[in-house]
C-alpha atoms as a PDB file:
ATOM      1  CA  MET A   1     -31.531  74.797  54.615  1.00  0.00           C
ATOM      2  CA  MET A   2     -29.525  71.613  55.015  1.00  0.00           C
ATOM      3  CA  ARG A   3     -28.696  69.700  51.846  1.00  0.00           C
ATOM      4  CA  CYS A   4     -28.437  65.889  51.977  1.00  0.00           C
ATOM      5  CA  THR A   5     -26.308  64.133  49.416  1.00  0.00           C
ATOM      6  CA  LEU A   6     -26.699  60.460  48.518  1.00  0.00           C
ATOM      7  CA  ALA A   7     -23.315  59.748  50.105  1.00  0.00           C
ATOM      8  CA  SER A   8     -24.302  61.317  53.405  1.00  0.00           C
ATOM      9  CA  ILE A   9     -27.518  59.316  53.494  1.00  0.00           C
ATOM     10  CA  VAL A  10     -25.641  56.067  52.855  1.00  0.00           C
ATOM     11  CA  LEU A  11     -23.091  56.865  55.574  1.00  0.00           C
ATOM     12  CA  ALA A  12     -25.867  57.631  58.029  1.00  0.00           C
ATOM     13  CA  VAL A  13     -27.645  54.330  57.314  1.00  0.00           C
ATOM     14  CA  VAL A  14     -24.421  52.354  57.696  1.00  0.00           C
ATOM     15  CA  ALA A  15     -23.592  54.097  60.970  1.00  0.00           C
ATOM     16  CA  PHE A  16     -27.075  53.352  62.282  1.00  0.00           C
ATOM     17  CA  GLN A  17     -26.831  49.675  61.333  1.00  0.00           C
ATOM     18  CA  VAL A  18     -23.397  49.289  62.922  1.00  0.00           C
ATOM     19  CA  GLY A  19     -24.560  50.912  66.120  1.00  0.00           C
ATOM     20  CA  CYS A  20     -27.749  48.824  66.372  1.00  0.00           C
ATOM     21  CA  ASP A  21     -26.448  45.418  65.278  1.00  0.00           C
ATOM     22  CA  SER A  22     -25.910  43.447  68.496  1.00  0.00           C
ATOM     23  CA  ARG A  23     -25.324  40.086  66.820  1.00  0.00           C
ATOM     24  CA  PRO A  24     -21.943  38.480  67.514  1.00  0.00           C
ATOM     25  CA  ASP A  25     -19.401  38.984  64.777  1.00  0.00           C
ATOM     26  CA  ILE A  26     -18.730  35.563  63.272  1.00  0.00           C
ATOM     27  CA  GLU A  27     -17.407  36.815  59.961  1.00  0.00           C
ATOM     28  CA  VAL A  28     -14.048  35.134  59.393  1.00  0.00           C
ATOM     29  CA  SER A  29     -13.219  36.411  55.923  1.00  0.00           C
ATOM     30  CA  ARG A  30     -11.958  39.860  56.857  1.00  0.00           C
ATOM     31  CA  VAL A  31      -9.000  40.876  54.711  1.00  0.00           C
ATOM     32  CA  GLY A  32      -5.633  40.759  56.387  1.00  0.00           C
ATOM     33  CA  GLU A  33      -6.799  39.067  59.593  1.00  0.00           C
ATOM     34  CA  THR A  34      -6.523  35.434  60.636  1.00  0.00           C
ATOM     35  CA  LEU A  35      -8.529  34.389  63.666  1.00  0.00           C
ATOM     36  CA  SER A  36      -7.293  31.660  65.987  1.00  0.00           C
ATOM     37  CA  ASP A  37      -9.352  28.551  66.686  1.00  0.00           C
ATOM     38  CA  GLU A  38      -9.909  29.829  70.216  1.00  0.00           C
ATOM     39  CA  VAL A  39     -11.331  33.131  68.978  1.00  0.00           C
ATOM     40  CA  LEU A  40     -13.502  31.344  66.419  1.00  0.00           C
ATOM     41  CA  LEU A  41     -14.904  29.030  69.096  1.00  0.00           C
ATOM     42  CA  THR A  42     -15.611  31.987  71.379  1.00  0.00           C
ATOM     43  CA  GLN A  43     -17.488  33.766  68.598  1.00  0.00           C
ATOM     44  CA  GLN A  44     -19.412  30.605  67.757  1.00  0.00           C
ATOM     45  CA  LEU A  45     -20.429  30.031  71.375  1.00  0.00           C
ATOM     46  CA  LYS A  46     -21.668  33.614  71.635  1.00  0.00           C
ATOM     47  CA  TYR A  47     -23.779  33.056  68.549  1.00  0.00           C
ATOM     48  CA  GLY A  48     -24.975  29.716  69.905  1.00  0.00           C
ATOM     49  CA  LYS A  49     -25.931  31.212  73.282  1.00  0.00           C
ATOM     50  CA  LEU A  50     -27.885  34.006  71.626  1.00  0.00           C
ATOM     51  CA  SER A  51     -29.678  31.495  69.353  1.00  0.00           C
ATOM     52  CA  TYR A  52     -30.402  29.181  72.294  1.00  0.00           C
ATOM     53  CA  GLU A  53     -31.933  32.028  74.300  1.00  0.00           C
ATOM     54  CA  GLN A  54     -34.120  32.960  71.344  1.00  0.00           C
ATOM     55  CA  LEU A  55     -35.251  29.462  70.288  1.00  0.00           C
ATOM     56  CA  CYS A  56     -34.674  26.873  73.014  1.00  0.00           C
ATOM     57  CA  ILE A  57     -34.669  28.354  76.492  1.00  0.00           C
ATOM     58  CA  GLY A  58     -38.461  28.249  76.938  1.00  0.00           C
ATOM     59  CA  CYS A  59     -38.472  24.433  76.997  1.00  0.00           C
ATOM     60  CA  HIS A  60     -34.909  23.362  77.785  1.00  0.00           C
ATOM     61  CA  GLY A  61     -34.250  26.080  80.362  1.00  0.00           C
ATOM     62  CA  ALA A  62     -31.429  28.550  80.951  1.00  0.00           C
ATOM     63  CA  LYS A  63     -29.299  25.825  82.569  1.00  0.00           C
ATOM     64  CA  GLY A  64     -30.023  23.265  79.850  1.00  0.00           C
ATOM     65  CA  ASP A  65     -31.673  20.998  82.406  1.00  0.00           C
ATOM     66  CA  GLY A  66     -34.997  20.614  80.577  1.00  0.00           C
ATOM     67  CA  ASN A  67     -36.804  22.834  83.100  1.00  0.00           C
ATOM     68  CA  GLY A  68     -37.815  25.806  80.994  1.00  0.00           C
ATOM     69  CA  GLU A  69     -40.991  27.699  81.797  1.00  0.00           C
ATOM     70  CA  ALA A  70     -43.009  25.585  79.357  1.00  0.00           C
ATOM     71  CA  ALA A  71     -41.591  22.230  80.483  1.00  0.00           C
ATOM     72  CA  ARG A  72     -44.260  21.500  83.091  1.00  0.00           C
ATOM     73  CA  PHE A  73     -46.902  21.502  80.371  1.00  0.00           C
ATOM     74  CA  LEU A  74     -45.060  19.092  78.074  1.00  0.00           C
ATOM     75  CA  ASP A  75     -45.104  15.330  77.679  1.00  0.00           C
ATOM     76  CA  PRO A  76     -42.630  14.008  76.659  1.00  0.00           C
ATOM     77  CA  LYS A  77     -40.353  16.277  78.653  1.00  0.00           C
ATOM     78  CA  PRO A  78     -37.699  18.427  76.953  1.00  0.00           C
ATOM     79  CA  ARG A  79     -34.217  16.947  76.766  1.00  0.00           C
ATOM     80  CA  ASN A  80     -31.976  17.541  79.765  1.00  0.00           C
ATOM     81  CA  PHE A  81     -28.669  18.536  78.171  1.00  0.00           C
ATOM     82  CA  LYS A  82     -26.816  18.253  81.496  1.00  0.00           C
ATOM     83  CA  PHE A  83     -27.405  14.475  81.511  1.00  0.00           C
ATOM     84  CA  ALA A  84     -26.529  14.223  77.797  1.00  0.00           C
ATOM     85  CA  TYR A  85     -28.826  11.266  77.121  1.00  0.00           C
ATOM     86  CA  PHE A  86     -29.756  11.792  73.478  1.00  0.00           C
ATOM     87  CA  LYS A  87     -32.313   9.212  72.402  1.00  0.00           C
ATOM     88  CA  PHE A  88     -32.131   9.443  68.632  1.00  0.00           C
ATOM     89  CA  SER A  89     -28.720   9.009  67.083  1.00  0.00           C
ATOM     90  CA  SER A  90     -26.687   6.906  64.683  1.00  0.00           C
ATOM     91  CA  THR A  91     -24.367   5.822  67.499  1.00  0.00           C
ATOM     92  CA  ARG A  92     -24.833   2.845  69.787  1.00  0.00           C
ATOM     93  CA  SER A  93     -27.142   3.149  72.772  1.00  0.00           C
ATOM     94  CA  GLY A  94     -25.363   4.984  75.585  1.00  0.00           C
ATOM     95  CA  GLU A  95     -22.880   6.754  73.312  1.00  0.00           C
ATOM     96  CA  LEU A  96     -22.958  10.463  72.559  1.00  0.00           C
ATOM     97  CA  PRO A  97     -24.459  11.407  69.184  1.00  0.00           C
ATOM     98  CA  THR A  98     -22.598  12.848  66.229  1.00  0.00           C
ATOM     99  CA  ASP A  99     -23.046  16.456  65.161  1.00  0.00           C
ATOM    100  CA  ALA A 100     -25.006  15.140  62.180  1.00  0.00           C
ATOM    101  CA  ASP A 101     -27.436  13.452  64.599  1.00  0.00           C
ATOM    102  CA  LEU A 102     -27.968  16.652  66.574  1.00  0.00           C
ATOM    103  CA  LYS A 103     -28.323  18.625  63.371  1.00  0.00           C
ATOM    104  CA  ARG A 104     -30.993  16.230  62.122  1.00  0.00           C
ATOM    105  CA  THR A 105     -33.032  16.634  65.309  1.00  0.00           C
ATOM    106  CA  ILE A 106     -32.766  20.433  65.212  1.00  0.00           C
ATOM    107  CA  LYS A 107     -33.656  20.683  61.550  1.00  0.00           C
ATOM    108  CA  TYR A 108     -36.487  18.142  61.435  1.00  0.00           C
ATOM    109  CA  GLY A 109     -37.791  18.117  64.999  1.00  0.00           C
ATOM    110  CA  LEU A 110     -39.343  15.159  66.810  1.00  0.00           C
ATOM    111  CA  LYS A 111     -42.812  14.168  65.683  1.00  0.00           C
ATOM    112  CA  GLY A 112     -45.425  13.976  68.430  1.00  0.00           C
ATOM    113  CA  SER A 113     -43.427  16.135  70.820  1.00  0.00           C
ATOM    114  CA  ALA A 114     -43.019  19.867  71.414  1.00  0.00           C
ATOM    115  CA  MET A 115     -39.682  19.844  69.564  1.00  0.00           C
ATOM    116  CA  PRO A 116     -40.403  21.711  66.299  1.00  0.00           C
ATOM    117  CA  ALA A 117     -38.532  21.557  63.019  1.00  0.00           C
ATOM    118  CA  PHE A 118     -36.078  24.420  62.542  1.00  0.00           C
ATOM    119  CA  GLU A 119     -35.534  23.403  58.948  1.00  0.00           C
ATOM    120  CA  PHE A 120     -34.683  26.852  57.619  1.00  0.00           C
ATOM    121  CA  LEU A 121     -32.054  27.901  60.133  1.00  0.00           C
ATOM    122  CA  PRO A 122     -28.773  28.733  58.391  1.00  0.00           C
ATOM    123  CA  GLU A 123     -26.052  26.158  58.750  1.00  0.00           C
ATOM    124  CA  PRO A 124     -23.711  28.355  60.867  1.00  0.00           C
ATOM    125  CA  GLN A 125     -26.518  28.969  63.357  1.00  0.00           C
ATOM    126  CA  VAL A 126     -27.271  25.252  63.704  1.00  0.00           C
ATOM    127  CA  GLU A 127     -23.578  24.524  64.232  1.00  0.00           C
ATOM    128  CA  ALA A 128     -23.370  27.294  66.832  1.00  0.00           C
ATOM    129  CA  LEU A 129     -26.394  25.860  68.668  1.00  0.00           C
ATOM    130  CA  ILE A 130     -24.765  22.429  68.750  1.00  0.00           C
ATOM    131  CA  ALA A 131     -21.520  23.881  70.099  1.00  0.00           C
ATOM    132  CA  TYR A 132     -23.389  25.728  72.845  1.00  0.00           C
ATOM    133  CA  ILE A 133     -25.549  22.729  73.801  1.00  0.00           C
ATOM    134  CA  LYS A 134     -22.353  20.741  74.409  1.00  0.00           C
ATOM    135  CA  THR A 135     -21.278  23.221  77.101  1.00  0.00           C
ATOM    136  CA  PHE A 136     -24.017  21.952  79.436  1.00  0.00           C
ATOM    137  CA  SER A 137     -22.399  18.564  80.078  1.00  0.00           C
ATOM    138  CA  PRO A 138     -18.768  17.545  80.774  1.00  0.00           C
ATOM    139  CA  LYS A 139     -19.432  14.203  79.058  1.00  0.00           C
ATOM    140  CA  TRP A 140     -18.531  15.736  75.693  1.00  0.00           C
ATOM    141  CA  HIS A 141     -14.952  16.336  76.912  1.00  0.00           C
ATOM    142  CA  GLU A 142     -14.694  13.190  79.003  1.00  0.00           C
ATOM    143  CA  ARG A 143     -15.961  10.637  76.492  1.00  0.00           C
ATOM    144  CA  GLY A 144     -16.208  12.244  73.083  1.00  0.00           C
ATOM    145  CA  THR A 145     -18.624  11.457  70.299  1.00  0.00           C
ATOM    146  CA  GLY A 146     -19.531   7.863  69.533  1.00  0.00           C
ATOM    147  CA  SER A 147     -18.978   6.166  66.175  1.00  0.00           C
ATOM    148  CA  PRO A 148     -21.924   5.677  63.804  1.00  0.00           C
ATOM    149  CA  ILE A 149     -23.212   2.136  63.476  1.00  0.00           C
ATOM    150  CA  PRO A 150     -22.471   0.236  60.255  1.00  0.00           C
ATOM    151  CA  ILE A 151     -25.149   0.403  57.597  1.00  0.00           C
ATOM    152  CA  VAL A 152     -25.301  -2.866  55.672  1.00  0.00           C
ATOM    153  CA  ASP A 153     -26.743  -3.168  52.183  1.00  0.00           C
ATOM    154  CA  ASP A 154     -30.522  -3.227  51.987  1.00  0.00           C
ATOM    155  CA  PRO A 155     -31.399  -6.366  49.956  1.00  0.00           C
ATOM    156  CA  TYR A 156     -35.005  -5.227  49.487  1.00  0.00           C
ATOM    157  CA  ARG A 157     -34.469  -1.626  48.357  1.00  0.00           C
ATOM    158  CA  SER A 158     -34.748  -2.307  44.636  1.00  0.00           C
ATOM    159  CA  LEU A 159     -37.835  -4.531  44.948  1.00  0.00           C
ATOM    160  CA  ASP A 160     -41.197  -2.972  44.133  1.00  0.00           C
ATOM    161  CA  ASP A 161     -42.920  -5.680  46.153  1.00  0.00           C
ATOM    162  CA  LYS A 162     -41.761  -5.564  49.757  1.00  0.00           C
ATOM    163  CA  SER A 163     -43.911  -8.495  50.918  1.00  0.00           C
ATOM    164  CA  GLU A 164     -40.870 -10.765  51.367  1.00  0.00           C
ATOM    165  CA  ALA A 165     -39.192  -8.175  53.600  1.00  0.00           C
ATOM    166  CA  ILE A 166     -42.365  -7.607  55.621  1.00  0.00           C
ATOM    167  CA  ALA A 167     -42.914 -11.335  56.160  1.00  0.00           C
ATOM    168  CA  ARG A 168     -39.315 -11.828  57.277  1.00  0.00           C
ATOM    169  CA  GLY A 169     -39.560  -8.797  59.535  1.00  0.00           C
ATOM    170  CA  GLU A 170     -42.643 -10.237  61.237  1.00  0.00           C
ATOM    171  CA  VAL A 171     -40.687 -13.389  62.048  1.00  0.00           C
ATOM    172  CA  ILE A 172     -37.712 -11.429  63.438  1.00  0.00           C
ATOM    173  CA  TYR A 173     -39.921  -9.028  65.426  1.00  0.00           C
ATOM    174  CA  HIS A 174     -41.847 -11.786  67.217  1.00  0.00           C
ATOM    175  CA  GLY A 175     -39.547 -14.792  67.083  1.00  0.00           C
ATOM    176  CA  TYR A 176     -36.018 -13.463  67.576  1.00  0.00           C
ATOM    177  CA  ALA A 177     -35.931  -9.857  68.835  1.00  0.00           C
ATOM    178  CA  THR A 178     -39.123 -10.461  70.889  1.00  0.00           C
ATOM    179  CA  CYS A 179     -39.980  -6.773  70.506  1.00  0.00           C
ATOM    180  CA  TRP A 180     -43.360  -7.571  72.076  1.00  0.00           C
ATOM    181  CA  THR A 181     -41.785  -7.630  75.545  1.00  0.00           C
ATOM    182  CA  CYS A 182     -41.972  -3.816  75.315  1.00  0.00           C
ATOM    183  CA  HIS A 183     -43.914  -2.985  72.151  1.00  0.00           C
ATOM    184  CA  PRO A 184     -47.225  -4.701  71.339  1.00  0.00           C
ATOM    185  CA  ALA A 185     -47.347  -8.099  69.644  1.00  0.00           C
ATOM    186  CA  TYR A 186     -49.182  -8.070  66.324  1.00  0.00           C
ATOM    187  CA  VAL A 187     -49.810 -11.829  66.220  1.00  0.00           C
ATOM    188  CA  ASP A 188     -51.103 -14.170  68.910  1.00  0.00           C
ATOM    189  CA  GLY A 189     -49.008 -16.362  71.208  1.00  0.00           C
ATOM    190  CA  GLY A 190     -49.407 -19.419  69.012  1.00  0.00           C
ATOM    191  CA  LYS A 191     -47.950 -17.608  66.019  1.00  0.00           C
ATOM    192  CA  ILE A 192     -45.067 -16.316  68.153  1.00  0.00           C
ATOM    193  CA  ASN A 193     -44.173 -19.881  69.107  1.00  0.00           C
ATOM    194  CA  ASP A 194     -44.402 -20.941  65.455  1.00  0.00           C
ATOM    195  CA  TYR A 195     -41.833 -18.303  64.607  1.00  0.00           C
ATOM    196  CA  ARG A 196     -39.661 -19.421  67.525  1.00  0.00           C
ATOM    197  CA  LYS A 197     -39.705 -22.991  66.236  1.00  0.00           C
ATOM    198  CA  GLN A 198     -38.910 -21.776  62.718  1.00  0.00           C
ATOM    199  CA  LEU A 199     -35.766 -20.123  64.062  1.00  0.00           C
ATOM    200  CA  GLY A 200     -34.829 -23.100  66.235  1.00  0.00           C
ATOM    201  CA  PHE A 201     -35.552 -21.449  69.598  1.00  0.00           C
ATOM    202  CA  THR A 202     -37.471 -22.704  72.607  1.00  0.00           C
ATOM    203  CA  THR A 203     -41.127 -21.766  72.852  1.00  0.00           C
ATOM    204  CA  TYR A 204     -43.041 -20.001  75.622  1.00  0.00           C
ATOM    205  CA  ASP A 205     -45.562 -21.629  77.949  1.00  0.00           C
ATOM    206  CA  GLN A 206     -47.285 -18.327  78.649  1.00  0.00           C
ATOM    207  CA  PHE A 207     -47.206 -14.676  77.610  1.00  0.00           C
ATOM    208  CA  ARG A 208     -47.578 -11.408  79.453  1.00  0.00           C
ATOM    209  CA  ASP A 209     -50.979  -9.867  80.004  1.00  0.00           C
ATOM    210  CA  GLY A 210     -51.960  -7.183  77.530  1.00  0.00           C
ATOM    211  CA  LEU A 211     -49.871  -8.679  74.745  1.00  0.00           C
ATOM    212  CA  GLY A 212     -51.410  -6.272  72.257  1.00  0.00           C
ATOM    213  CA  GLU A 213     -50.374  -3.128  74.150  1.00  0.00           C
ATOM    214  CA  SER A 214     -47.082  -1.438  75.037  1.00  0.00           C
ATOM    215  CA  VAL A 215     -45.435  -1.875  78.413  1.00  0.00           C
ATOM    216  CA  GLY A 216     -44.562   1.347  80.257  1.00  0.00           C
ATOM    217  CA  LYS A 217     -41.017   1.532  81.634  1.00  0.00           C
ATOM    218  CA  ALA A 218     -39.025   4.275  83.341  1.00  0.00           C
ATOM    219  CA  ASN A 219     -36.180   5.850  81.393  1.00  0.00           C
ATOM    220  CA  VAL A 220     -32.828   6.765  82.933  1.00  0.00           C
ATOM    221  CA  GLU A 221     -34.225  10.072  84.183  1.00  0.00           C
ATOM    222  CA  GLY A 222     -37.119   8.350  85.955  1.00  0.00           C
ATOM    223  CA  TRP A 223     -39.867   9.391  83.530  1.00  0.00           C
ATOM    224  CA  MET A 224     -42.394   6.714  82.581  1.00  0.00           C
ATOM    225  CA  ILE A 225     -42.390   6.182  78.839  1.00  0.00           C
ATOM    226  CA  PHE A 226     -44.279   3.806  76.574  1.00  0.00           C
ATOM    227  CA  PRO A 227     -42.700   2.280  73.471  1.00  0.00           C
ATOM    228  CA  PRO A 228     -44.738   3.141  70.395  1.00  0.00           C
ATOM    229  CA  ASN A 229     -47.700   1.059  69.342  1.00  0.00           C
ATOM    230  CA  PHE A 230     -47.009   1.169  65.614  1.00  0.00           C
ATOM    231  CA  HIS A 231     -50.719   0.993  64.822  1.00  0.00           C
ATOM    232  CA  ARG A 232     -51.305   4.215  66.723  1.00  0.00           C
ATOM    233  CA  ASP A 233     -48.362   6.165  68.130  1.00  0.00           C
ATOM    234  CA  TYR A 234     -45.856   8.590  66.668  1.00  0.00           C
ATOM    235  CA  VAL A 235     -42.384   7.404  65.731  1.00  0.00           C
ATOM    236  CA  ARG A 236     -40.535  10.526  66.742  1.00  0.00           C
ATOM    237  CA  SER A 237     -37.289  10.329  64.784  1.00  0.00           C
ATOM    238  CA  GLY A 238     -38.798   9.548  61.381  1.00  0.00           C
ATOM    239  CA  ALA A 239     -40.910   6.901  59.662  1.00  0.00           C
ATOM    240  CA  ASP A 240     -38.878   6.603  56.457  1.00  0.00           C
ATOM    241  CA  ILE A 241     -37.091   3.309  56.054  1.00  0.00           C
ATOM    242  CA  ASP A 242     -33.581   4.689  56.706  1.00  0.00           C
ATOM    243  CA  SER A 243     -34.663   6.370  59.954  1.00  0.00           C
ATOM    244  CA  LEU A 244     -36.368   3.182  61.129  1.00  0.00           C
ATOM    245  CA  TYR A 245     -33.242   1.137  60.375  1.00  0.00           C
ATOM    246  CA  ARG A 246     -31.112   3.629  62.292  1.00  0.00           C
ATOM    247  CA  SER A 247     -33.351   3.583  65.389  1.00  0.00           C
ATOM    248  CA  ILE A 248     -33.625  -0.215  65.426  1.00  0.00           C
ATOM    249  CA  ALA A 249     -29.974  -0.899  64.709  1.00  0.00           C
ATOM    250  CA  ALA A 250     -28.499   1.767  67.012  1.00  0.00           C
ATOM    251  CA  GLY A 251     -31.033   1.540  69.828  1.00  0.00           C
ATOM    252  CA  ILE A 252     -32.515   4.386  71.862  1.00  0.00           C
ATOM    253  CA  THR A 253     -30.187   5.803  74.519  1.00  0.00           C
ATOM    254  CA  GLY A 254     -31.644   6.076  78.010  1.00  0.00           C
ATOM    255  CA  THR A 255     -34.403   3.524  77.367  1.00  0.00           C
ATOM    256  CA  ALA A 256     -34.790  -0.253  77.307  1.00  0.00           C
ATOM    257  CA  MET A 257     -34.356  -0.280  73.507  1.00  0.00           C
ATOM    258  CA  PRO A 258     -30.962  -1.977  72.927  1.00  0.00           C
ATOM    259  CA  THR A 259     -28.470  -1.739  70.088  1.00  0.00           C
ATOM    260  CA  TRP A 260     -29.430  -4.537  67.702  1.00  0.00           C
ATOM    261  CA  VAL A 261     -26.755  -4.155  65.065  1.00  0.00           C
ATOM    262  CA  ASP A 262     -24.288  -6.132  67.228  1.00  0.00           C
ATOM    263  CA  SER A 263     -26.671  -9.037  67.885  1.00  0.00           C
ATOM    264  CA  MET A 264     -27.776 -10.028  64.406  1.00  0.00           C
ATOM    265  CA  ASN A 265     -25.295 -12.713  63.348  1.00  0.00           C
ATOM    266  CA  LEU A 266     -26.506 -16.009  64.722  1.00  0.00           C
ATOM    267  CA  GLU A 267     -25.508 -19.404  63.338  1.00  0.00           C
ATOM    268  CA  SER A 268     -27.440 -22.621  63.764  1.00  0.00           C
ATOM    269  CA  ASP A 269     -26.002 -24.859  66.481  1.00  0.00           C
ATOM    270  CA  ASP A 270     -26.472 -28.006  64.415  1.00  0.00           C
ATOM    271  CA  GLY A 271     -23.057 -27.658  62.789  1.00  0.00           C
ATOM    272  CA  SER A 272     -24.464 -26.663  59.390  1.00  0.00           C
ATOM    273  CA  LYS A 273     -23.180 -23.065  59.626  1.00  0.00           C
ATOM    274  CA  THR A 274     -26.629 -21.906  58.559  1.00  0.00           C
ATOM    275  CA  MET A 275     -27.271 -18.264  59.496  1.00  0.00           C
ATOM    276  CA  LEU A 276     -30.519 -18.120  61.457  1.00  0.00           C
ATOM    277  CA  VAL A 277     -30.379 -14.349  61.783  1.00  0.00           C
ATOM    278  CA  GLN A 278     -28.111 -11.819  60.099  1.00  0.00           C
ATOM    279  CA  THR A 279     -27.615  -8.059  60.045  1.00  0.00           C
ATOM    280  CA  GLN A 280     -29.614  -7.649  56.830  1.00  0.00           C
ATOM    281  CA  ASP A 281     -32.660  -8.772  58.802  1.00  0.00           C
ATOM    282  CA  LEU A 282     -32.651  -5.327  60.403  1.00  0.00           C
ATOM    283  CA  TRP A 283     -33.919  -3.972  57.087  1.00  0.00           C
ATOM    284  CA  ALA A 284     -36.695  -6.560  57.102  1.00  0.00           C
ATOM    285  CA  LEU A 285     -37.587  -5.472  60.617  1.00  0.00           C
ATOM    286  CA  ALA A 286     -37.713  -1.843  59.482  1.00  0.00           C
ATOM    287  CA  TYR A 287     -40.006  -2.697  56.549  1.00  0.00           C
ATOM    288  CA  TYR A 288     -42.274  -4.668  58.868  1.00  0.00           C
ATOM    289  CA  VAL A 289     -42.571  -1.769  61.327  1.00  0.00           C
ATOM    290  CA  GLN A 290     -43.314   0.593  58.459  1.00  0.00           C
ATOM    291  CA  SER A 291     -46.029  -1.779  57.198  1.00  0.00           C
ATOM    292  CA  LEU A 292     -47.664  -1.723  60.636  1.00  0.00           C
ATOM    293  CA  MET A 293     -47.781   2.056  60.517  1.00  0.00           C
ATOM    294  CA  ARG A 294     -49.420   1.938  57.103  1.00  0.00           C
ATOM    295  CA  GLU A 295     -52.212  -0.217  58.532  1.00  0.00           C
ATOM    296  CA  ARG A 296     -53.461   2.687  60.611  1.00  0.00           C
ATOM    297  CA  PRO A 297     -57.019   3.655  59.694  1.00  0.00           C
ATOM    298  CA  THR A 298     -57.331   6.813  57.648  1.00  0.00           C
ATOM    299  CA  LYS A 299     -58.645   9.555  59.896  1.00  0.00           C
ATOM    300  CA  VAL A 300     -60.224  11.500  57.044  1.00  0.00           C
ATOM    301  CA  LYS A 301     -61.137   9.852  53.764  1.00  0.00           C
ATOM    302  CA  PRO A 302     -60.261  11.733  50.579  1.00  0.00           C
ATOM    303  CA  ASP A 303     -63.930  12.290  49.684  1.00  0.00           C
ATOM    304  CA  GLN A 304     -64.510  13.885  53.089  1.00  0.00           C
ATOM    305  CA  LEU A 305     -62.019  16.687  52.503  1.00  0.00           C
ATOM    306  CA  VAL A 306     -63.533  20.109  51.966  1.00  0.00           C
ATOM    307  CA  VAL A 307     -61.382  22.916  50.618  1.00  0.00           C
ATOM    308  CA  ARG A 308     -62.398  26.187  52.177  1.00  0.00           C
ATOM    309  CA  GLY A 309     -62.686  29.279  50.041  1.00  0.00           C
ATOM    310  CA  ASP A 310     -60.217  32.094  50.385  1.00  0.00           C
ATOM    311  CA  ARG A 311     -62.909  34.664  51.168  1.00  0.00           C
ATOM    312  CA  ALA A 312     -62.219  36.255  54.547  1.00  0.00           C
ATOM    313  CA  ARG A 313     -65.035  36.109  57.052  1.00  0.00           C
ATOM    314  CA  THR A 314     -65.392  38.645  59.831  1.00  0.00           C
ATOM    315  CA  ILE A 315     -65.789  37.266  63.348  1.00  0.00           C
ATOM    316  CA  TYR A 316     -68.144  39.264  65.570  1.00  0.00           C
ATOM    317  CA  ILE A 317     -67.451  38.815  69.283  1.00  0.00           C
ATOM    318  CA  ASN A 318     -70.607  40.520  70.519  1.00  0.00           C
ATOM    319  CA  GLY A 319     -73.054  39.187  67.933  1.00  0.00           C
ATOM    320  CA  ILE A 320     -73.479  39.950  64.252  1.00  0.00           C
ATOM    321  CA  PRO A 321     -74.805  43.450  63.431  1.00  0.00           C
ATOM    322  CA  ALA A 322     -78.130  43.665  61.562  1.00  0.00           C
ATOM    323  CA  ASP A 323     -76.689  45.079  58.349  1.00  0.00           C
ATOM    324  CA  ALA A 324     -73.965  42.391  58.245  1.00  0.00           C
ATOM    325  CA  ALA A 325     -76.533  39.631  58.825  1.00  0.00           C
ATOM    326  CA  LYS A 326     -78.625  40.912  55.935  1.00  0.00           C
ATOM    327  CA  LYS A 327     -75.601  41.032  53.638  1.00  0.00           C
ATOM    328  CA  GLN A 328     -74.699  37.444  54.502  1.00  0.00           C
ATOM    329  CA  ALA A 329     -78.294  36.312  53.920  1.00  0.00           C
ATOM    330  CA  ASP A 330     -78.486  38.115  50.585  1.00  0.00           C
ATOM    331  CA  ALA A 331     -75.213  36.526  49.461  1.00  0.00           C
ATOM    332  CA  ALA A 332     -76.423  33.058  50.421  1.00  0.00           C
ATOM    333  CA  GLU A 333     -79.700  33.170  48.451  1.00  0.00           C
ATOM    334  CA  PRO A 334     -80.218  33.206  44.673  1.00  0.00           C
ATOM    335  CA  ALA A 335     -80.721  36.670  43.207  1.00  0.00           C
ATOM    336  CA  GLY A 336     -84.334  37.804  42.899  1.00  0.00           C
ATOM    337  CA  GLU A 337     -85.599  35.962  45.972  1.00  0.00           C
ATOM    338  CA  GLU A 338     -86.651  37.809  49.072  1.00  0.00           C
ATOM    339  CA  VAL A 339     -84.990  36.802  52.293  1.00  0.00           C
ATOM    340  CA  ASP A 340     -86.552  37.034  55.741  1.00  0.00           C
ATOM    341  CA  VAL A 341     -83.999  37.812  58.361  1.00  0.00           C
ATOM    342  CA  ASP A 342     -84.758  37.838  62.065  1.00  0.00           C
ATOM    343  CA  PHE A 343     -82.821  40.428  64.037  1.00  0.00           C
END
């Protein structure tokens, strides 16, 4: 008879794990060994490739061109990493995003699209994914990462009542930024001209048809996209006030949405040095957009919510058996009453 000691069992388990573990070795804290940057990058890219093939390849494709097997079913389309047009970033429109931008998209996903939130991926895995994604386009070596836009102080943050910010944002949205040339207008043409006069600009004789709806435009890849109607559509990169500021100020790469942070210091031309528009107005614009989203009708009222019980219910594909039907009927009626059940 063969005797097994605890030590032999432990050694056998360790040997089995070592032989079966196919994950790349990214441990860098081994005693007495210093790994070069080149070796570390190689290990990271191996880890990133493995993670990409497990999590991303179905949509973004083996070549990173956005043509995975699931892509033909998706709208909006998966990102084409070969083109390196990343819509949601803290850098100016047209510039490559920071690693923090890519990390945010991976961790929190894009609302209203097929891009899920991988919020619980470990940090080294996210960093490895980012490193591998960058191998699909030479732009990362040719141009490098862009610089984040400046974030000015929010003058409304400490105010409980944001009505001043919302009112100012409505003026900027319609009168200065003319966001309604792509997004819907949320006031009529007369009000738009009132805001134009208030800011000292010329007024319009006529407005586009369908002023209350978005205008579809092709992005740089040729796909038709529609800017969000804030009363109805998803805002993919986040609806919190900081995310809205970032998207408005930085712009959306590959679309008609420009970088606004560089166009918000405008003095009056009457010699008074009065600032008609300033960078802080971007916060007002963000609060206004957020207020529009909050005007959406509630799909389900609180008193219409029904909490289901935790009792499991069997699903019968070929019809409920007679004994099960009787048990359900008995459970549904008060005790002591006879129940007629048709079989």
